[in-house]
């Protein structure tokens, strides 16, 4: 006996397929956005350096857990945006913000290319910052006077050191030093970061679950690359190409979002 689907069932089936296709598209866009933001970013470099110094497993889980928490927070903030602003305004504001990020990254790409900076140079810079923060932590613990630097720089460093101390006191009995250090450094460095703001924007426009899944997959991929081959590829990848790729991704998303706002 031939079972012929009714028009209603056929319409429901097509609707489900359309939803699935839309979800895959949203997840893919979220992954692309995170890769464009994080590949070669400070968080990527910090994770790679810590993995080289301590070990891959603890650093991976510490870094990824911090990114997971920051993603959860960003998604919740983005979910609240449509209740505060009309949908069209949310699209236009988000698209404008993405265009600003894109232009800025393309400008940085041009500057890096002209100055012939490499990803390896960025590794060296971040490594010095980590060493300086360790020195400052010891200085504060011993009660010694800090070096002569601007007050804003000292405040930033004190905030990072204080945050790391809080995380250490909170988790030191259950987790390794590498895990705690990775979690604290990534958590602090991601506050207000480009990827966090981009996650908020996408969560305000797309389905929250799709963005949440895509962003976390993107962070997982970038973190895995950082801990496995991050230091090795530092002299293989040209920094300006990474920035150029990220800038193009943001420009495309920005144009699409603004177009959908009208």
C-alpha atoms as a PDB file:
ATOM      1  CA  UNK A   1       0.000   0.000   0.000  1.00  0.00           C
ATOM      2  CA  UNK A   2       1.416   3.382  -1.008  1.00  0.00           C
ATOM      3  CA  UNK A   3       1.505   5.932   1.784  1.00  0.00           C
ATOM      4  CA  UNK A   4       1.090   9.421   0.387  1.00  0.00           C
ATOM      5  CA  UNK A   5       2.058  12.229   2.725  1.00  0.00           C
ATOM      6  CA  UNK A   6      -0.510  14.954   3.185  1.00  0.00           C
ATOM      7  CA  UNK A   7       0.420  18.519   2.191  1.00  0.00           C
ATOM      8  CA  UNK A   8       0.537  19.400   5.896  1.00  0.00           C
ATOM      9  CA  UNK A   9       3.069  16.673   6.701  1.00  0.00           C
ATOM     10  CA  UNK A  10       5.131  17.571   3.646  1.00  0.00           C
ATOM     11  CA  UNK A  11       5.179  21.222   4.709  1.00  0.00           C
ATOM     12  CA  UNK A  12       6.267  20.237   8.223  1.00  0.00           C
ATOM     13  CA  UNK A  13       9.052  18.046   6.833  1.00  0.00           C
ATOM     14  CA  UNK A  14      10.328  20.832   4.586  1.00  0.00           C
ATOM     15  CA  UNK A  15      10.189  23.238   7.533  1.00  0.00           C
ATOM     16  CA  UNK A  16      12.320  20.880   9.614  1.00  0.00           C
ATOM     17  CA  UNK A  17      14.871  20.568   6.809  1.00  0.00           C
ATOM     18  CA  UNK A  18      14.974  24.342   6.461  1.00  0.00           C
ATOM     19  CA  UNK A  19      15.550  24.709  10.206  1.00  0.00           C
ATOM     20  CA  UNK A  20      18.381  22.183  10.085  1.00  0.00           C
ATOM     21  CA  UNK A  21      20.007  23.945   7.147  1.00  0.00           C
ATOM     22  CA  UNK A  22      19.708  27.297   8.943  1.00  0.00           C
ATOM     23  CA  UNK A  23      21.237  25.880  12.112  1.00  0.00           C
ATOM     24  CA  UNK A  24      24.189  24.402  10.225  1.00  0.00           C
ATOM     25  CA  UNK A  25      24.713  27.752   8.521  1.00  0.00           C
ATOM     26  CA  UNK A  26      24.613  29.637  11.840  1.00  0.00           C
ATOM     27  CA  UNK A  27      27.035  27.196  13.453  1.00  0.00           C
ATOM     28  CA  UNK A  28      29.388  27.449  10.475  1.00  0.00           C
ATOM     29  CA  UNK A  29      29.320  31.251  10.606  1.00  0.00           C
ATOM     30  CA  UNK A  30      30.044  31.191  14.342  1.00  0.00           C
ATOM     31  CA  UNK A  31      33.007  28.851  13.859  1.00  0.00           C
ATOM     32  CA  UNK A  32      34.404  31.038  11.064  1.00  0.00           C
ATOM     33  CA  UNK A  33      34.019  34.156  13.184  1.00  0.00           C
ATOM     34  CA  UNK A  34      35.884  32.645  16.140  1.00  0.00           C
ATOM     35  CA  UNK A  35      38.706  31.312  13.971  1.00  0.00           C
ATOM     36  CA  UNK A  36      39.032  34.754  12.404  1.00  0.00           C
ATOM     37  CA  UNK A  37      39.182  36.346  15.864  1.00  0.00           C
ATOM     38  CA  UNK A  38      41.264  33.886  17.843  1.00  0.00           C
ATOM     39  CA  UNK A  39      43.839  32.418  15.458  1.00  0.00           C
ATOM     40  CA  UNK A  40      47.025  34.272  16.338  1.00  0.00           C
ATOM     41  CA  UNK A  41      45.249  36.349  19.007  1.00  0.00           C
ATOM     42  CA  UNK A  42      46.698  36.966  22.464  1.00  0.00           C
ATOM     43  CA  UNK A  43      44.639  34.143  23.990  1.00  0.00           C
ATOM     44  CA  UNK A  44      45.929  31.753  21.319  1.00  0.00           C
ATOM     45  CA  UNK A  45      49.528  32.772  22.014  1.00  0.00           C
ATOM     46  CA  UNK A  46      49.151  32.553  25.807  1.00  0.00           C
ATOM     47  CA  UNK A  47      47.684  29.055  25.488  1.00  0.00           C
ATOM     48  CA  UNK A  48      50.503  27.935  23.185  1.00  0.00           C
ATOM     49  CA  UNK A  49      53.190  29.314  25.516  1.00  0.00           C
ATOM     50  CA  UNK A  50      51.684  27.722  28.618  1.00  0.00           C
ATOM     51  CA  UNK A  51      51.313  24.374  26.824  1.00  0.00           C
ATOM     52  CA  UNK A  52      54.981  24.562  25.835  1.00  0.00           C
ATOM     53  CA  UNK A  53      55.943  25.398  29.425  1.00  0.00           C
ATOM     54  CA  UNK A  54      53.697  23.108  31.474  1.00  0.00           C
ATOM     55  CA  UNK A  55      51.948  20.452  29.401  1.00  0.00           C
ATOM     56  CA  UNK A  56      49.148  20.197  26.905  1.00  0.00           C
ATOM     57  CA  UNK A  57      46.268  18.519  28.735  1.00  0.00           C
ATOM     58  CA  UNK A  58      45.988  20.790  31.793  1.00  0.00           C
ATOM     59  CA  UNK A  59      46.499  23.952  29.750  1.00  0.00           C
ATOM     60  CA  UNK A  60      43.921  22.879  27.168  1.00  0.00           C
ATOM     61  CA  UNK A  61      41.211  22.210  29.754  1.00  0.00           C
ATOM     62  CA  UNK A  62      42.035  25.364  31.732  1.00  0.00           C
ATOM     63  CA  UNK A  63      41.986  27.592  28.651  1.00  0.00           C
ATOM     64  CA  UNK A  64      38.901  26.028  27.130  1.00  0.00           C
ATOM     65  CA  UNK A  65      36.942  26.143  30.388  1.00  0.00           C
ATOM     66  CA  UNK A  66      37.649  29.875  30.670  1.00  0.00           C
ATOM     67  CA  UNK A  67      36.509  30.401  27.075  1.00  0.00           C
ATOM     68  CA  UNK A  68      33.402  28.295  27.747  1.00  0.00           C
ATOM     69  CA  UNK A  69      32.409  30.483  30.695  1.00  0.00           C
ATOM     70  CA  UNK A  70      33.047  33.690  28.743  1.00  0.00           C
ATOM     71  CA  UNK A  71      31.021  32.346  25.817  1.00  0.00           C
ATOM     72  CA  UNK A  72      28.110  31.463  28.109  1.00  0.00           C
ATOM     73  CA  UNK A  73      28.124  34.982  29.543  1.00  0.00           C
ATOM     74  CA  UNK A  74      28.314  36.604  26.092  1.00  0.00           C
ATOM     75  CA  UNK A  75      25.456  34.463  24.764  1.00  0.00           C
ATOM     76  CA  UNK A  76      23.230  35.438  27.702  1.00  0.00           C
ATOM     77  CA  UNK A  77      23.966  39.131  27.148  1.00  0.00           C
ATOM     78  CA  UNK A  78      23.258  38.778  23.435  1.00  0.00           C
ATOM     79  CA  UNK A  79      20.008  36.931  24.155  1.00  0.00           C
ATOM     80  CA  UNK A  80      18.783  39.924  26.169  1.00  0.00           C
ATOM     81  CA  UNK A  81      19.529  42.465  23.405  1.00  0.00           C
ATOM     82  CA  UNK A  82      16.376  41.823  21.277  1.00  0.00           C
ATOM     83  CA  UNK A  83      14.237  42.620  24.327  1.00  0.00           C
ATOM     84  CA  UNK A  84      15.932  46.020  24.636  1.00  0.00           C
ATOM     85  CA  UNK A  85      16.154  47.061  20.967  1.00  0.00           C
ATOM     86  CA  UNK A  86      14.040  46.425  17.834  1.00  0.00           C
ATOM     87  CA  UNK A  87      15.290  43.601  15.628  1.00  0.00           C
ATOM     88  CA  UNK A  88      16.240  45.891  12.741  1.00  0.00           C
ATOM     89  CA  UNK A  89      18.243  48.177  15.044  1.00  0.00           C
ATOM     90  CA  UNK A  90      20.039  45.159  16.530  1.00  0.00           C
ATOM     91  CA  UNK A  91      21.018  43.978  13.033  1.00  0.00           C
ATOM     92  CA  UNK A  92      22.274  47.390  11.929  1.00  0.00           C
ATOM     93  CA  UNK A  93      24.212  48.072  15.146  1.00  0.00           C
ATOM     94  CA  UNK A  94      25.749  44.592  15.092  1.00  0.00           C
ATOM     95  CA  UNK A  95      26.660  44.890  11.420  1.00  0.00           C
ATOM     96  CA  UNK A  96      28.220  48.314  11.972  1.00  0.00           C
ATOM     97  CA  UNK A  97      30.283  46.941  14.848  1.00  0.00           C
ATOM     98  CA  UNK A  98      31.467  44.049  12.675  1.00  0.00           C
ATOM     99  CA  UNK A  99      32.444  46.465   9.901  1.00  0.00           C
ATOM    100  CA  UNK A 100      34.468  48.514  12.404  1.00  0.00           C
ATOM    101  CA  UNK A 101      36.252  45.356  13.569  1.00  0.00           C
ATOM    102  CA  UNK A 102      36.877  44.344   9.962  1.00  0.00           C
ATOM    103  CA  UNK A 103      38.338  47.707   8.952  1.00  0.00           C
ATOM    104  CA  UNK A 104      40.503  47.771  12.070  1.00  0.00           C
ATOM    105  CA  UNK A 105      41.881  44.275  11.412  1.00  0.00           C
ATOM    106  CA  UNK A 106      42.595  45.082   7.760  1.00  0.00           C
ATOM    107  CA  UNK A 107      44.417  48.227   8.884  1.00  0.00           C
ATOM    108  CA  UNK A 108      46.423  46.200  11.411  1.00  0.00           C
ATOM    109  CA  UNK A 109      47.219  43.684   8.667  1.00  0.00           C
ATOM    110  CA  UNK A 110      48.652  46.441   6.490  1.00  0.00           C
ATOM    111  CA  UNK A 111      50.721  47.870   9.372  1.00  0.00           C
ATOM    112  CA  UNK A 112      52.072  44.436  10.325  1.00  0.00           C
ATOM    113  CA  UNK A 113      52.998  43.694   6.711  1.00  0.00           C
ATOM    114  CA  UNK A 114      54.830  47.008   6.342  1.00  0.00           C
ATOM    115  CA  UNK A 115      56.718  46.512   9.615  1.00  0.00           C
ATOM    116  CA  UNK A 116      57.423  42.851   8.690  1.00  0.00           C
ATOM    117  CA  UNK A 117      56.201  41.535  12.030  1.00  0.00           C
ATOM    118  CA  UNK A 118      55.651  37.806  12.330  1.00  0.00           C
ATOM    119  CA  UNK A 119      53.572  35.628  14.615  1.00  0.00           C
ATOM    120  CA  UNK A 120      56.825  34.619  16.294  1.00  0.00           C
ATOM    121  CA  UNK A 121      57.377  38.275  17.291  1.00  0.00           C
ATOM    122  CA  UNK A 122      53.956  38.260  18.943  1.00  0.00           C
ATOM    123  CA  UNK A 123      54.915  35.115  20.850  1.00  0.00           C
ATOM    124  CA  UNK A 124      58.037  36.873  22.155  1.00  0.00           C
ATOM    125  CA  UNK A 125      56.034  39.933  23.239  1.00  0.00           C
ATOM    126  CA  UNK A 126      53.404  37.917  25.097  1.00  0.00           C
ATOM    127  CA  UNK A 127      56.094  35.758  26.701  1.00  0.00           C
ATOM    128  CA  UNK A 128      57.738  38.893  28.113  1.00  0.00           C
ATOM    129  CA  UNK A 129      54.377  40.089  29.440  1.00  0.00           C
ATOM    130  CA  UNK A 130      53.808  36.775  31.237  1.00  0.00           C
ATOM    131  CA  UNK A 131      57.296  36.909  32.759  1.00  0.00           C
ATOM    132  CA  UNK A 132      56.743  40.517  33.893  1.00  0.00           C
ATOM    133  CA  UNK A 133      53.447  39.579  35.528  1.00  0.00           C
ATOM    134  CA  UNK A 134      55.154  36.745  37.402  1.00  0.00           C
ATOM    135  CA  UNK A 135      57.815  39.188  38.611  1.00  0.00           C
ATOM    136  CA  UNK A 136      55.172  41.670  39.708  1.00  0.00           C
ATOM    137  CA  UNK A 137      53.317  38.940  41.586  1.00  0.00           C
ATOM    138  CA  UNK A 138      56.463  38.119  43.547  1.00  0.00           C
ATOM    139  CA  UNK A 139      57.043  41.831  44.187  1.00  0.00           C
ATOM    140  CA  UNK A 140      53.536  42.319  45.568  1.00  0.00           C
ATOM    141  CA  UNK A 141      53.786  39.198  47.727  1.00  0.00           C
ATOM    142  CA  UNK A 142      57.075  40.425  49.231  1.00  0.00           C
ATOM    143  CA  UNK A 143      55.744  43.950  49.726  1.00  0.00           C
ATOM    144  CA  UNK A 144      58.488  45.523  47.614  1.00  0.00           C
ATOM    145  CA  UNK A 145      57.978  48.789  45.675  1.00  0.00           C
ATOM    146  CA  UNK A 146      56.884  48.365  42.064  1.00  0.00           C
ATOM    147  CA  UNK A 147      58.943  49.648  39.178  1.00  0.00           C
ATOM    148  CA  UNK A 148      58.402  53.152  37.841  1.00  0.00           C
ATOM    149  CA  UNK A 149      55.606  52.709  35.339  1.00  0.00           C
ATOM    150  CA  UNK A 150      52.405  54.536  34.469  1.00  0.00           C
ATOM    151  CA  UNK A 151      49.570  54.116  36.960  1.00  0.00           C
ATOM    152  CA  UNK A 152      47.225  52.655  34.316  1.00  0.00           C
ATOM    153  CA  UNK A 153      49.741  49.943  33.428  1.00  0.00           C
ATOM    154  CA  UNK A 154      50.254  49.083  37.081  1.00  0.00           C
ATOM    155  CA  UNK A 155      46.491  48.935  37.651  1.00  0.00           C
ATOM    156  CA  UNK A 156      46.036  46.552  34.729  1.00  0.00           C
ATOM    157  CA  UNK A 157      48.840  44.307  35.918  1.00  0.00           C
ATOM    158  CA  UNK A 158      47.605  44.416  39.511  1.00  0.00           C
ATOM    159  CA  UNK A 159      44.127  43.403  38.331  1.00  0.00           C
ATOM    160  CA  UNK A 160      45.546  40.420  36.435  1.00  0.00           C
ATOM    161  CA  UNK A 161      47.757  39.368  39.341  1.00  0.00           C
ATOM    162  CA  UNK A 162      44.889  39.775  41.810  1.00  0.00           C
ATOM    163  CA  UNK A 163      42.565  37.734  39.569  1.00  0.00           C
ATOM    164  CA  UNK A 164      45.123  34.946  39.239  1.00  0.00           C
ATOM    165  CA  UNK A 165      45.602  34.893  43.020  1.00  0.00           C
ATOM    166  CA  UNK A 166      41.834  34.602  43.543  1.00  0.00           C
ATOM    167  CA  UNK A 167      41.559  31.711  41.093  1.00  0.00           C
ATOM    168  CA  UNK A 168      44.564  30.031  42.694  1.00  0.00           C
ATOM    169  CA  UNK A 169      43.102  30.291  46.194  1.00  0.00           C
ATOM    170  CA  UNK A 170      39.742  29.042  44.951  1.00  0.00           C
ATOM    171  CA  UNK A 171      40.882  26.040  42.906  1.00  0.00           C
ATOM    172  CA  UNK A 172      44.392  25.199  44.130  1.00  0.00           C
ATOM    173  CA  UNK A 173      43.248  22.220  46.207  1.00  0.00           C
ATOM    174  CA  UNK A 174      41.567  20.464  43.282  1.00  0.00           C
ATOM    175  CA  UNK A 175      43.412  21.557  40.135  1.00  0.00           C
ATOM    176  CA  UNK A 176      46.998  21.747  38.943  1.00  0.00           C
ATOM    177  CA  UNK A 177      49.006  24.953  38.713  1.00  0.00           C
ATOM    178  CA  UNK A 178      49.001  24.798  34.903  1.00  0.00           C
ATOM    179  CA  UNK A 179      45.200  24.489  34.795  1.00  0.00           C
ATOM    180  CA  UNK A 180      44.696  27.424  37.174  1.00  0.00           C
ATOM    181  CA  UNK A 181      47.192  29.655  35.395  1.00  0.00           C
ATOM    182  CA  UNK A 182      45.706  28.916  31.976  1.00  0.00           C
ATOM    183  CA  UNK A 183      42.162  29.494  33.219  1.00  0.00           C
ATOM    184  CA  UNK A 184      43.033  32.772  34.958  1.00  0.00           C
ATOM    185  CA  UNK A 185      45.103  34.259  32.133  1.00  0.00           C
ATOM    186  CA  UNK A 186      42.588  33.390  29.416  1.00  0.00           C
ATOM    187  CA  UNK A 187      39.619  34.518  31.523  1.00  0.00           C
ATOM    188  CA  UNK A 188      41.167  37.938  32.157  1.00  0.00           C
ATOM    189  CA  UNK A 189      42.454  38.422  28.604  1.00  0.00           C
ATOM    190  CA  UNK A 190      39.032  37.589  27.098  1.00  0.00           C
ATOM    191  CA  UNK A 191      37.134  40.258  29.057  1.00  0.00           C
ATOM    192  CA  UNK A 192      35.839  42.702  26.454  1.00  0.00           C
ATOM    193  CA  UNK A 193      37.804  40.925  23.733  1.00  0.00           C
ATOM    194  CA  UNK A 194      36.785  41.108  20.072  1.00  0.00           C
ATOM    195  CA  UNK A 195      35.514  37.523  20.056  1.00  0.00           C
ATOM    196  CA  UNK A 196      33.342  38.110  23.127  1.00  0.00           C
ATOM    197  CA  UNK A 197      31.711  41.198  21.611  1.00  0.00           C
ATOM    198  CA  UNK A 198      31.225  39.350  18.316  1.00  0.00           C
ATOM    199  CA  UNK A 199      29.536  36.496  20.206  1.00  0.00           C
ATOM    200  CA  UNK A 200      27.147  38.971  21.840  1.00  0.00           C
ATOM    201  CA  UNK A 201      26.286  40.455  18.440  1.00  0.00           C
ATOM    202  CA  UNK A 202      25.653  37.061  16.817  1.00  0.00           C
ATOM    203  CA  UNK A 203      23.571  35.846  19.780  1.00  0.00           C
ATOM    204  CA  UNK A 204      21.360  38.915  19.444  1.00  0.00           C
ATOM    205  CA  UNK A 205      20.630  38.082  15.811  1.00  0.00           C
ATOM    206  CA  UNK A 206      20.873  34.310  15.351  1.00  0.00           C
ATOM    207  CA  UNK A 207      19.492  31.385  17.340  1.00  0.00           C
ATOM    208  CA  UNK A 208      21.276  31.327  20.669  1.00  0.00           C
ATOM    209  CA  UNK A 209      21.871  27.568  20.748  1.00  0.00           C
ATOM    210  CA  UNK A 210      23.396  27.622  17.255  1.00  0.00           C
ATOM    211  CA  UNK A 211      25.775  30.434  18.190  1.00  0.00           C
ATOM    212  CA  UNK A 212      26.653  28.780  21.499  1.00  0.00           C
ATOM    213  CA  UNK A 213      27.535  25.499  19.770  1.00  0.00           C
ATOM    214  CA  UNK A 214      29.445  27.151  16.917  1.00  0.00           C
ATOM    215  CA  UNK A 215      31.458  29.501  19.120  1.00  0.00           C
ATOM    216  CA  UNK A 216      32.449  26.696  21.487  1.00  0.00           C
ATOM    217  CA  UNK A 217      33.490  24.480  18.573  1.00  0.00           C
ATOM    218  CA  UNK A 218      35.555  27.363  17.193  1.00  0.00           C
ATOM    219  CA  UNK A 219      37.221  27.958  20.551  1.00  0.00           C
ATOM    220  CA  UNK A 220      37.906  24.241  20.932  1.00  0.00           C
ATOM    221  CA  UNK A 221      39.555  24.037  17.507  1.00  0.00           C
ATOM    222  CA  UNK A 222      41.722  27.123  18.108  1.00  0.00           C
ATOM    223  CA  UNK A 223      42.712  25.917  21.585  1.00  0.00           C
ATOM    224  CA  UNK A 224      43.640  22.478  20.225  1.00  0.00           C
ATOM    225  CA  UNK A 225      45.799  24.035  17.514  1.00  0.00           C
ATOM    226  CA  UNK A 226      47.433  26.314  20.098  1.00  0.00           C
ATOM    227  CA  UNK A 227      48.383  23.550  22.535  1.00  0.00           C
ATOM    228  CA  UNK A 228      49.476  21.036  19.881  1.00  0.00           C
ATOM    229  CA  UNK A 229      51.346  23.035  17.250  1.00  0.00           C
ATOM    230  CA  UNK A 230      50.990  26.676  18.342  1.00  0.00           C
ATOM    231  CA  UNK A 231      54.650  27.378  19.007  1.00  0.00           C
ATOM    232  CA  UNK A 232      55.786  25.350  16.013  1.00  0.00           C
ATOM    233  CA  UNK A 233      53.663  27.276  13.509  1.00  0.00           C
ATOM    234  CA  UNK A 234      54.643  30.674  14.946  1.00  0.00           C
ATOM    235  CA  UNK A 235      57.428  31.006  12.370  1.00  0.00           C
ATOM    236  CA  UNK A 236      55.393  29.360   9.594  1.00  0.00           C
ATOM    237  CA  UNK A 237      52.404  31.714   9.481  1.00  0.00           C
ATOM    238  CA  UNK A 238      52.624  35.354   8.473  1.00  0.00           C
ATOM    239  CA  UNK A 239      50.758  37.538  10.946  1.00  0.00           C
ATOM    240  CA  UNK A 240      49.367  39.947   8.371  1.00  0.00           C
ATOM    241  CA  UNK A 241      47.612  37.075   6.562  1.00  0.00           C
ATOM    242  CA  UNK A 242      45.893  36.008   9.782  1.00  0.00           C
ATOM    243  CA  UNK A 243      44.697  39.568  10.403  1.00  0.00           C
ATOM    244  CA  UNK A 244      43.634  39.953   6.774  1.00  0.00           C
ATOM    245  CA  UNK A 245      41.551  36.768   6.938  1.00  0.00           C
ATOM    246  CA  UNK A 246      39.872  37.913  10.163  1.00  0.00           C
ATOM    247  CA  UNK A 247      39.174  41.345   8.701  1.00  0.00           C
ATOM    248  CA  UNK A 248      37.528  39.887   5.596  1.00  0.00           C
ATOM    249  CA  UNK A 249      35.341  37.585   7.726  1.00  0.00           C
ATOM    250  CA  UNK A 250      34.135  40.511   9.840  1.00  0.00           C
ATOM    251  CA  UNK A 251      33.493  42.663   6.767  1.00  0.00           C
ATOM    252  CA  UNK A 252      31.341  39.947   5.164  1.00  0.00           C
ATOM    253  CA  UNK A 253      29.329  39.398   8.350  1.00  0.00           C
ATOM    254  CA  UNK A 254      28.917  43.147   8.826  1.00  0.00           C
ATOM    255  CA  UNK A 255      27.542  43.684   5.320  1.00  0.00           C
ATOM    256  CA  UNK A 256      25.140  40.735   5.680  1.00  0.00           C
ATOM    257  CA  UNK A 257      23.832  41.949   9.043  1.00  0.00           C
ATOM    258  CA  UNK A 258      23.282  45.533   7.863  1.00  0.00           C
ATOM    259  CA  UNK A 259      21.539  44.279   4.704  1.00  0.00           C
ATOM    260  CA  UNK A 260      19.192  42.134   6.821  1.00  0.00           C
ATOM    261  CA  UNK A 261      18.391  45.118   9.034  1.00  0.00           C
ATOM    262  CA  UNK A 262      16.596  46.947   6.224  1.00  0.00           C
END
